[in-house]
PDB file of N, CA and C in Angstrom:
ATOM      1  N   MET A   1     109.058  96.185  82.033  1.00  0.00           N
ATOM      2  CA  MET A   1     110.278  96.511  82.736  1.00  0.00           C
ATOM      3  C   MET A   1     111.445  96.374  81.758  1.00  0.00           C
ATOM      4  N   SER A   2     112.373  97.314  81.828  1.00  0.00           N
ATOM      5  CA  SER A   2     113.520  97.272  80.917  1.00  0.00           C
ATOM      6  C   SER A   2     114.466  96.141  81.327  1.00  0.00           C
ATOM      7  N   PRO A   3     115.276  95.666  80.370  1.00  0.00           N
ATOM      8  CA  PRO A   3     116.259  94.623  80.710  1.00  0.00           C
ATOM      9  C   PRO A   3     117.236  95.086  81.788  1.00  0.00           C
ATOM     10  N   ASP A   4     117.608  96.363  81.769  1.00  0.00           N
ATOM     11  CA  ASP A   4     118.520  96.880  82.788  1.00  0.00           C
ATOM     12  C   ASP A   4     117.888  96.811  84.172  1.00  0.00           C
ATOM     13  N   ALA A   5     116.618  97.215  84.265  1.00  0.00           N
ATOM     14  CA  ALA A   5     115.932  97.184  85.548  1.00  0.00           C
ATOM     15  C   ALA A   5     115.786  95.751  86.037  1.00  0.00           C
ATOM     16  N   GLN A   6     115.473  94.840  85.148  1.00  0.00           N
ATOM     17  CA  GLN A   6     115.341  93.431  85.525  1.00  0.00           C
ATOM     18  C   GLN A   6     116.671  92.876  86.020  1.00  0.00           C
ATOM     19  N   ARG A   7     117.751  93.235  85.316  1.00  0.00           N
ATOM     20  CA  ARG A   7     119.087  92.778  85.716  1.00  0.00           C
ATOM     21  C   ARG A   7     119.444  93.314  87.103  1.00  0.00           C
ATOM     22  N   LEU A   8     119.157  94.599  87.328  1.00  0.00           N
ATOM     23  CA  LEU A   8     119.440  95.189  88.639  1.00  0.00           C
ATOM     24  C   LEU A   8     118.644  94.492  89.742  1.00  0.00           C
ATOM     25  N   LEU A   9     117.383  94.214  89.461  1.00  0.00           N
ATOM     26  CA  LEU A   9     116.558  93.523  90.441  1.00  0.00           C
ATOM     27  C   LEU A   9     117.105  92.134  90.731  1.00  0.00           C
ATOM     28  N   ASP A  10     117.477  91.418  89.699  1.00  0.00           N
ATOM     29  CA  ASP A  10     118.040  90.078  89.878  1.00  0.00           C
ATOM     30  C   ASP A  10     119.319  90.125  90.716  1.00  0.00           C
ATOM     31  N   GLU A  11     120.164  91.112  90.445  1.00  0.00           N
ATOM     32  CA  GLU A  11     121.406  91.254  91.216  1.00  0.00           C
ATOM     33  C   GLU A  11     121.107  91.652  92.659  1.00  0.00           C
ATOM     34  N   ALA A  12     120.140  92.541  92.857  1.00  0.00           N
ATOM     35  CA  ALA A  12     119.791  92.982  94.213  1.00  0.00           C
ATOM     36  C   ALA A  12     119.277  91.818  95.044  1.00  0.00           C
ATOM     37  N   ARG A  13     118.550  90.929  94.424  1.00  0.00           N
ATOM     38  CA  ARG A  13     118.009  89.769  95.155  1.00  0.00           C
ATOM     39  C   ARG A  13     119.117  88.834  95.638  1.00  0.00           C
ATOM     40  N   GLN A  14     120.295  88.945  95.067  1.00  0.00           N
ATOM     41  CA  GLN A  14     121.422  88.095  95.468  1.00  0.00           C
ATOM     42  C   GLN A  14     122.173  88.663  96.672  1.00  0.00           C
ATOM     43  N   LEU A  15     121.886  89.911  97.033  1.00  0.00           N
ATOM     44  CA  LEU A  15     122.584  90.559  98.147  1.00  0.00           C
ATOM     45  C   LEU A  15     122.186  89.931  99.481  1.00  0.00           C
ATOM     46  N   PRO A  16     123.082  90.034 100.472  1.00  0.00           N
ATOM     47  CA  PRO A  16     122.685  89.632 101.827  1.00  0.00           C
ATOM     48  C   PRO A  16     121.523  90.507 102.295  1.00  0.00           C
ATOM     49  N   THR A  17     120.699  89.978 103.178  1.00  0.00           N
ATOM     50  CA  THR A  17     119.482  90.668 103.611  1.00  0.00           C
ATOM     51  C   THR A  17     119.750  92.093 104.080  1.00  0.00           C
ATOM     52  N   GLU A  18     120.781  92.288 104.874  1.00  0.00           N
ATOM     53  CA  GLU A  18     121.079  93.619 105.407  1.00  0.00           C
ATOM     54  C   GLU A  18     121.358  94.619 104.286  1.00  0.00           C
ATOM     55  N   GLU A  19     122.142  94.212 103.293  1.00  0.00           N
ATOM     56  CA  GLU A  19     122.456  95.097 102.178  1.00  0.00           C
ATOM     57  C   GLU A  19     121.220  95.331 101.298  1.00  0.00           C
ATOM     58  N   PHE A  20     120.421  94.291 101.097  1.00  0.00           N
ATOM     59  CA  PHE A  20     119.195  94.416 100.315  1.00  0.00           C
ATOM     60  C   PHE A  20     118.253  95.417 100.960  1.00  0.00           C
ATOM     61  N   ASN A  21     118.070  95.314 102.292  1.00  0.00           N
ATOM     62  CA  ASN A  21     117.200  96.248 103.012  1.00  0.00           C
ATOM     63  C   ASN A  21     117.735  97.671 102.937  1.00  0.00           C
ATOM     64  N   TRP A  22     119.056  97.825 103.037  1.00  0.00           N
ATOM     65  CA  TRP A  22     119.654  99.158 102.908  1.00  0.00           C
ATOM     66  C   TRP A  22     119.361  99.733 101.525  1.00  0.00           C
ATOM     67  N   LEU A  23     119.531  98.911 100.496  1.00  0.00           N
ATOM     68  CA  LEU A  23     119.297  99.357  99.126  1.00  0.00           C
ATOM     69  C   LEU A  23     117.854  99.799  98.928  1.00  0.00           C
ATOM     70  N   ILE A  24     116.918  99.039  99.456  1.00  0.00           N
ATOM     71  CA  ILE A  24     115.504  99.403  99.358  1.00  0.00           C
ATOM     72  C   ILE A  24     115.265 100.757 100.018  1.00  0.00           C
ATOM     73  N   GLY A  25     115.812 100.938 101.216  1.00  0.00           N
ATOM     74  CA  GLY A  25     115.649 102.210 101.920  1.00  0.00           C
ATOM     75  C   GLY A  25     116.204 103.381 101.132  1.00  0.00           C
ATOM     76  N   GLU A  26     117.373 103.187 100.548  1.00  0.00           N
ATOM     77  CA  GLU A  26     117.979 104.258  99.757  1.00  0.00           C
ATOM     78  C   GLU A  26     117.135 104.572  98.525  1.00  0.00           C
ATOM     79  N   MET A  27     116.602 103.554  97.892  1.00  0.00           N
ATOM     80  CA  MET A  27     115.783 103.775  96.700  1.00  0.00           C
ATOM     81  C   MET A  27     114.483 104.487  97.057  1.00  0.00           C
ATOM     82  N   LEU A  28     113.907 104.138  98.186  1.00  0.00           N
ATOM     83  CA  LEU A  28     112.685 104.813  98.613  1.00  0.00           C
ATOM     84  C   LEU A  28     112.946 106.277  98.921  1.00  0.00           C
ATOM     85  N   ARG A  29     114.114 106.566  99.487  1.00  0.00           N
ATOM     86  CA  ARG A  29     114.448 107.949  99.818  1.00  0.00           C
ATOM     87  C   ARG A  29     114.642 108.809  98.570  1.00  0.00           C
ATOM     88  N   LEU A  30     114.932 108.199  97.437  1.00  0.00           N
ATOM     89  CA  LEU A  30     115.121 108.971  96.209  1.00  0.00           C
ATOM     90  C   LEU A  30     113.878 109.781  95.857  1.00  0.00           C
ATOM     91  N   GLY A  31     112.707 109.268  96.226  1.00  0.00           N
ATOM     92  CA  GLY A  31     111.472 109.966  95.909  1.00  0.00           C
ATOM     93  C   GLY A  31     110.997 110.898  97.003  1.00  0.00           C
ATOM     94  N   ASP A  32     111.720 110.945  98.113  1.00  0.00           N
ATOM     95  CA  ASP A  32     111.310 111.804  99.223  1.00  0.00           C
ATOM     96  C   ASP A  32     111.451 113.275  98.878  1.00  0.00           C
ATOM     97  N   ASP A  33     110.708 114.086  99.616  1.00  0.00           N
ATOM     98  CA  ASP A  33     110.757 115.539  99.477  1.00  0.00           C
ATOM     99  C   ASP A  33     112.111 116.038  99.982  1.00  0.00           C
ATOM    100  N   PRO A  34     112.914 116.694  99.134  1.00  0.00           N
ATOM    101  CA  PRO A  34     114.229 117.169  99.570  1.00  0.00           C
ATOM    102  C   PRO A  34     114.149 118.110 100.769  1.00  0.00           C
ATOM    103  N   ALA A  35     113.058 118.846 100.910  1.00  0.00           N
ATOM    104  CA  ALA A  35     112.927 119.775 102.036  1.00  0.00           C
ATOM    105  C   ALA A  35     112.895 119.017 103.355  1.00  0.00           C
ATOM    106  N   GLU A  36     112.363 117.794 103.345  1.00  0.00           N
ATOM    107  CA  GLU A  36     112.281 117.006 104.571  1.00  0.00           C
ATOM    108  C   GLU A  36     113.662 116.578 105.055  1.00  0.00           C
ATOM    109  N   GLU A  37     114.612 116.445 104.144  1.00  0.00           N
ATOM    110  CA  GLU A  37     115.953 116.015 104.519  1.00  0.00           C
ATOM    111  C   GLU A  37     116.656 117.038 105.395  1.00  0.00           C
ATOM    112  N   ASP A  38     116.207 118.292 105.326  1.00  0.00           N
ATOM    113  CA  ASP A  38     116.845 119.354 106.085  1.00  0.00           C
ATOM    114  C   ASP A  38     116.352 119.415 107.527  1.00  0.00           C
ATOM    115  N   LEU A  39     115.361 118.623 107.882  1.00  0.00           N
ATOM    116  CA  LEU A  39     114.822 118.665 109.239  1.00  0.00           C
ATOM    117  C   LEU A  39     115.773 117.970 110.210  1.00  0.00           C
ATOM    118  N   SER A  40     115.971 118.597 111.358  1.00  0.00           N
ATOM    119  CA  SER A  40     116.787 117.975 112.384  1.00  0.00           C
ATOM    120  C   SER A  40     115.919 117.013 113.186  1.00  0.00           C
ATOM    121  N   ALA A  41     116.558 116.166 113.967  1.00  0.00           N
ATOM    122  CA  ALA A  41     115.820 115.224 114.809  1.00  0.00           C
ATOM    123  C   ALA A  41     114.923 115.987 115.784  1.00  0.00           C
ATOM    124  N   ALA A  42     115.406 117.122 116.282  1.00  0.00           N
ATOM    125  CA  ALA A  42     114.605 117.928 117.213  1.00  0.00           C
ATOM    126  C   ALA A  42     113.359 118.476 116.522  1.00  0.00           C
ATOM    127  N   GLU A  43     113.501 118.889 115.267  1.00  0.00           N
ATOM    128  CA  GLU A  43     112.350 119.405 114.520  1.00  0.00           C
ATOM    129  C   GLU A  43     111.329 118.299 114.244  1.00  0.00           C
ATOM    130  N   VAL A  44     111.821 117.117 113.929  1.00  0.00           N
ATOM    131  CA  VAL A  44     110.923 115.983 113.702  1.00  0.00           C
ATOM    132  C   VAL A  44     110.189 115.644 114.988  1.00  0.00           C
ATOM    133  N   ASP A  45     110.928 115.594 116.105  1.00  0.00           N
ATOM    134  CA  ASP A  45     110.302 115.315 117.409  1.00  0.00           C
ATOM    135  C   ASP A  45     109.256 116.371 117.747  1.00  0.00           C
ATOM    136  N   ALA A  46     109.562 117.628 117.475  1.00  0.00           N
ATOM    137  CA  ALA A  46     108.617 118.708 117.771  1.00  0.00           C
ATOM    138  C   ALA A  46     107.364 118.568 116.905  1.00  0.00           C
ATOM    139  N   ALA A  47     107.544 118.216 115.649  1.00  0.00           N
ATOM    140  CA  ALA A  47     106.392 118.042 114.755  1.00  0.00           C
ATOM    141  C   ALA A  47     105.518 116.893 115.228  1.00  0.00           C
ATOM    142  N   TRP A  48     106.139 115.779 115.653  1.00  0.00           N
ATOM    143  CA  TRP A  48     105.351 114.655 116.165  1.00  0.00           C
ATOM    144  C   TRP A  48     104.639 115.033 117.452  1.00  0.00           C
ATOM    145  N   SER A  49     105.304 115.785 118.310  1.00  0.00           N
ATOM    146  CA  SER A  49     104.671 116.217 119.565  1.00  0.00           C
ATOM    147  C   SER A  49     103.433 117.059 119.284  1.00  0.00           C
ATOM    148  N   GLU A  50     103.534 117.955 118.304  1.00  0.00           N
ATOM    149  CA  GLU A  50     102.379 118.780 117.920  1.00  0.00           C
ATOM    150  C   GLU A  50     101.245 117.909 117.380  1.00  0.00           C
ATOM    151  N   GLU A  51     101.603 116.930 116.553  1.00  0.00           N
ATOM    152  CA  GLU A  51     100.585 116.047 115.980  1.00  0.00           C
ATOM    153  C   GLU A  51      99.900 115.221 117.065  1.00  0.00           C
ATOM    154  N   ILE A  52     100.670 114.715 117.997  1.00  0.00           N
ATOM    155  CA  ILE A  52     100.099 113.937 119.105  1.00  0.00           C
ATOM    156  C   ILE A  52      99.166 114.806 119.933  1.00  0.00           C
ATOM    157  N   LYS A  53      99.600 116.041 120.236  1.00  0.00           N
ATOM    158  CA  LYS A  53      98.756 116.950 121.008  1.00  0.00           C
ATOM    159  C   LYS A  53      97.457 117.243 120.265  1.00  0.00           C
ATOM    160  N   ARG A  54      97.557 117.484 118.949  1.00  0.00           N
ATOM    161  CA  ARG A  54      96.368 117.767 118.144  1.00  0.00           C
ATOM    162  C   ARG A  54      95.396 116.597 118.199  1.00  0.00           C
ATOM    163  N   ARG A  55      95.913 115.386 118.049  1.00  0.00           N
ATOM    164  CA  ARG A  55      95.042 114.207 118.067  1.00  0.00           C
ATOM    165  C   ARG A  55      94.410 113.992 119.439  1.00  0.00           C
ATOM    166  N   LEU A  56      95.186 114.196 120.496  1.00  0.00           N
ATOM    167  CA  LEU A  56      94.631 114.054 121.843  1.00  0.00           C
ATOM    168  C   LEU A  56      93.562 115.109 122.105  1.00  0.00           C
ATOM    169  N   ASP A  57      93.788 116.337 121.627  1.00  0.00           N
ATOM    170  CA  ASP A  57      92.783 117.396 121.778  1.00  0.00           C
ATOM    171  C   ASP A  57      91.486 117.024 121.059  1.00  0.00           C
ATOM    172  N   GLU A  58      91.606 116.421 119.878  1.00  0.00           N
ATOM    173  CA  GLU A  58      90.420 115.991 119.148  1.00  0.00           C
ATOM    174  C   GLU A  58      89.655 114.913 119.912  1.00  0.00           C
ATOM    175  N   ILE A  59      90.378 114.019 120.547  1.00  0.00           N
ATOM    176  CA  ILE A  59      89.734 112.971 121.353  1.00  0.00           C
ATOM    177  C   ILE A  59      89.054 113.592 122.566  1.00  0.00           C
ATOM    178  N   ASP A  60      89.786 114.438 123.282  1.00  0.00           N
ATOM    179  CA  ASP A  60      89.254 115.060 124.501  1.00  0.00           C
ATOM    180  C   ASP A  60      88.029 115.930 124.215  1.00  0.00           C
ATOM    181  N   SER A  61      88.010 116.587 123.060  1.00  0.00           N
ATOM    182  CA  SER A  61      86.896 117.474 122.728  1.00  0.00           C
ATOM    183  C   SER A  61      85.684 116.708 122.190  1.00  0.00           C
ATOM    184  N   GLY A  62      85.882 115.433 121.875  1.00  0.00           N
ATOM    185  CA  GLY A  62      84.796 114.647 121.304  1.00  0.00           C
ATOM    186  C   GLY A  62      84.675 114.801 119.806  1.00  0.00           C
ATOM    187  N   LYS A  63      85.606 115.516 119.188  1.00  0.00           N
ATOM    188  CA  LYS A  63      85.565 115.736 117.742  1.00  0.00           C
ATOM    189  C   LYS A  63      85.718 114.413 116.983  1.00  0.00           C
ATOM    190  N   VAL A  64      86.497 113.510 117.540  1.00  0.00           N
ATOM    191  CA  VAL A  64      86.652 112.192 116.933  1.00  0.00           C
ATOM    192  C   VAL A  64      86.134 111.129 117.892  1.00  0.00           C
ATOM    193  N   LYS A  65      85.662 110.035 117.325  1.00  0.00           N
ATOM    194  CA  LYS A  65      85.121 108.944 118.121  1.00  0.00           C
ATOM    195  C   LYS A  65      86.150 107.825 118.174  1.00  0.00           C
ATOM    196  N   MET A  66      86.428 107.355 119.354  1.00  0.00           N
ATOM    197  CA  MET A  66      87.357 106.248 119.530  1.00  0.00           C
ATOM    198  C   MET A  66      86.653 104.944 119.160  1.00  0.00           C
ATOM    199  N   ILE A  67      87.400 104.031 118.584  1.00  0.00           N
ATOM    200  CA  ILE A  67      86.871 102.720 118.226  1.00  0.00           C
ATOM    201  C   ILE A  67      87.633 101.692 119.060  1.00  0.00           C
ATOM    202  N   PRO A  68      86.909 100.829 119.774  1.00  0.00           N
ATOM    203  CA  PRO A  68      87.595  99.807 120.575  1.00  0.00           C
ATOM    204  C   PRO A  68      88.508  98.937 119.709  1.00  0.00           C
ATOM    205  N   GLY A  69      89.643  98.573 120.266  1.00  0.00           N
ATOM    206  CA  GLY A  69      90.622  97.773 119.535  1.00  0.00           C
ATOM    207  C   GLY A  69      90.045  96.482 118.996  1.00  0.00           C
ATOM    208  N   GLU A  70      89.180  95.839 119.772  1.00  0.00           N
ATOM    209  CA  GLU A  70      88.584  94.581 119.326  1.00  0.00           C
ATOM    210  C   GLU A  70      87.776  94.780 118.044  1.00  0.00           C
ATOM    211  N   GLU A  71      87.075  95.919 117.970  1.00  0.00           N
ATOM    212  CA  GLU A  71      86.275  96.211 116.780  1.00  0.00           C
ATOM    213  C   GLU A  71      87.177  96.462 115.571  1.00  0.00           C
ATOM    214  N   VAL A  72      88.266  97.178 115.790  1.00  0.00           N
ATOM    215  CA  VAL A  72      89.212  97.448 114.705  1.00  0.00           C
ATOM    216  C   VAL A  72      89.779  96.134 114.177  1.00  0.00           C
ATOM    217  N   LEU A  73      90.191  95.263 115.091  1.00  0.00           N
ATOM    218  CA  LEU A  73      90.755  93.979 114.673  1.00  0.00           C
ATOM    219  C   LEU A  73      89.726  93.136 113.938  1.00  0.00           C
ATOM    220  N   ALA A  74      88.486  93.158 114.403  1.00  0.00           N
ATOM    221  CA  ALA A  74      87.421  92.403 113.730  1.00  0.00           C
ATOM    222  C   ALA A  74      87.212  92.930 112.313  1.00  0.00           C
ATOM    223  N   ARG A  75      87.236  94.252 112.161  1.00  0.00           N
ATOM    224  CA  ARG A  75      87.077  94.837 110.823  1.00  0.00           C
ATOM    225  C   ARG A  75      88.239  94.442 109.914  1.00  0.00           C
ATOM    226  N   MET A  76      89.441  94.459 110.478  1.00  0.00           N
ATOM    227  CA  MET A  76      90.621  94.093 109.691  1.00  0.00           C
ATOM    228  C   MET A  76      90.538  92.637 109.247  1.00  0.00           C
ATOM    229  N   ASP A  77      90.071  91.762 110.130  1.00  0.00           N
ATOM    230  CA  ASP A  77      89.928  90.344 109.779  1.00  0.00           C
ATOM    231  C   ASP A  77      88.855  90.150 108.717  1.00  0.00           C
ATOM    232  N   ALA A  78      87.802  90.951 108.772  1.00  0.00           N
ATOM    233  CA  ALA A  78      86.678  90.781 107.858  1.00  0.00           C
ATOM    234  C   ALA A  78      87.024  91.207 106.428  1.00  0.00           C
ATOM    235  N   ARG A  79      87.899  92.159 106.263  1.00  0.00           N
ATOM    236  CA  ARG A  79      88.196  92.681 104.923  1.00  0.00           C
ATOM    237  C   ARG A  79      88.782  91.626 103.983  1.00  0.00           C
ATOM    238  N   PRO A  80      89.824  90.889 104.390  1.00  0.00           N
ATOM    239  CA  PRO A  80      90.344  89.874 103.457  1.00  0.00           C
ATOM    240  C   PRO A  80      89.327  88.765 103.185  1.00  0.00           C
ATOM    241  N   LYS A  81      88.550  88.408 104.202  1.00  0.00           N
ATOM    242  CA  LYS A  81      87.534  87.374 104.011  1.00  0.00           C
ATOM    243  C   LYS A  81      86.501  87.830 102.986  1.00  0.00           C
ATOM    244  N   ALA A  82      86.055  89.068 103.101  1.00  0.00           N
ATOM    245  CA  ALA A  82      85.074  89.610 102.158  1.00  0.00           C
ATOM    246  C   ALA A  82      85.672  89.672 100.755  1.00  0.00           C
ATOM    247  N   ARG A  83      86.932  90.064 100.662  1.00  0.00           N
ATOM    248  CA  ARG A  83      87.593  90.151  99.357  1.00  0.00           C
ATOM    249  C   ARG A  83      87.705  88.771  98.719  1.00  0.00           C
ATOM    250  N   ARG A  84      88.077  87.758  99.511  1.00  0.00           N
ATOM    251  CA  ARG A  84      88.176  86.394  98.982  1.00  0.00           C
ATOM    252  C   ARG A  84      86.819  85.914  98.478  1.00  0.00           C
ATOM    253  N   GLN A  85      85.764  86.230  99.226  1.00  0.00           N
ATOM    254  CA  GLN A  85      84.422  85.826  98.809  1.00  0.00           C
ATOM    255  C   GLN A  85      84.027  86.536  97.515  1.00  0.00           C
ATOM    256  N   GLN A  86      84.400  87.816  97.419  1.00  0.00           N
ATOM    257  CA  GLN A  86      84.077  88.587  96.213  1.00  0.00           C
ATOM    258  C   GLN A  86      84.792  87.988  95.005  1.00  0.00           C
ATOM    259  N   VAL A  87      86.063  87.678  95.167  1.00  0.00           N
ATOM    260  CA  VAL A  87      86.846  87.108  94.070  1.00  0.00           C
ATOM    261  C   VAL A  87      86.303  85.729  93.702  1.00  0.00           C
ATOM    262  N   ALA A  88      85.960  84.930  94.701  1.00  0.00           N
ATOM    263  CA  ALA A  88      85.414  83.595  94.433  1.00  0.00           C
ATOM    264  C   ALA A  88      84.086  83.696  93.678  1.00  0.00           C
ATOM    265  N   GLY A  89      83.299  84.705  93.983  1.00  0.00           N
ATOM    266  CA  GLY A  89      82.017  84.895  93.322  1.00  0.00           C
ATOM    267  C   GLY A  89      82.151  85.331  91.881  1.00  0.00           C
ATOM    268  N   GLN A  90      83.283  85.900  91.524  1.00  0.00           N
ATOM    269  CA  GLN A  90      83.503  86.373  90.157  1.00  0.00           C
ATOM    270  C   GLN A  90      83.958  85.260  89.223  1.00  0.00           C
ATOM    271  N   LYS A  91      84.364  84.138  89.778  1.00  0.00           N
ATOM    272  CA  LYS A  91      84.859  83.029  88.950  1.00  0.00           C
ATOM    273  C   LYS A  91      83.734  82.224  88.366  1.00  0.00           C
TER     274      LYS A  91
END
């Protein structure tokens, strides 16, 4: 990391939380697709509505299989445990 970048990071960490979060958001937007910035709220809502309809159609048609929430949570819990065991085994 360059000294300038380190200095900026150090200064950013001194900001109040609200300003720090704003700065992070602005920096993340720098890499966004400029074409997306031209979308209106109505266009974004319409795109999400289409995506939701598509996903519901896939569920209704049987194209995708639903996974019970309990199973998803169990899988999520198991991943860090497995990773810790893997790392411990490498030592």
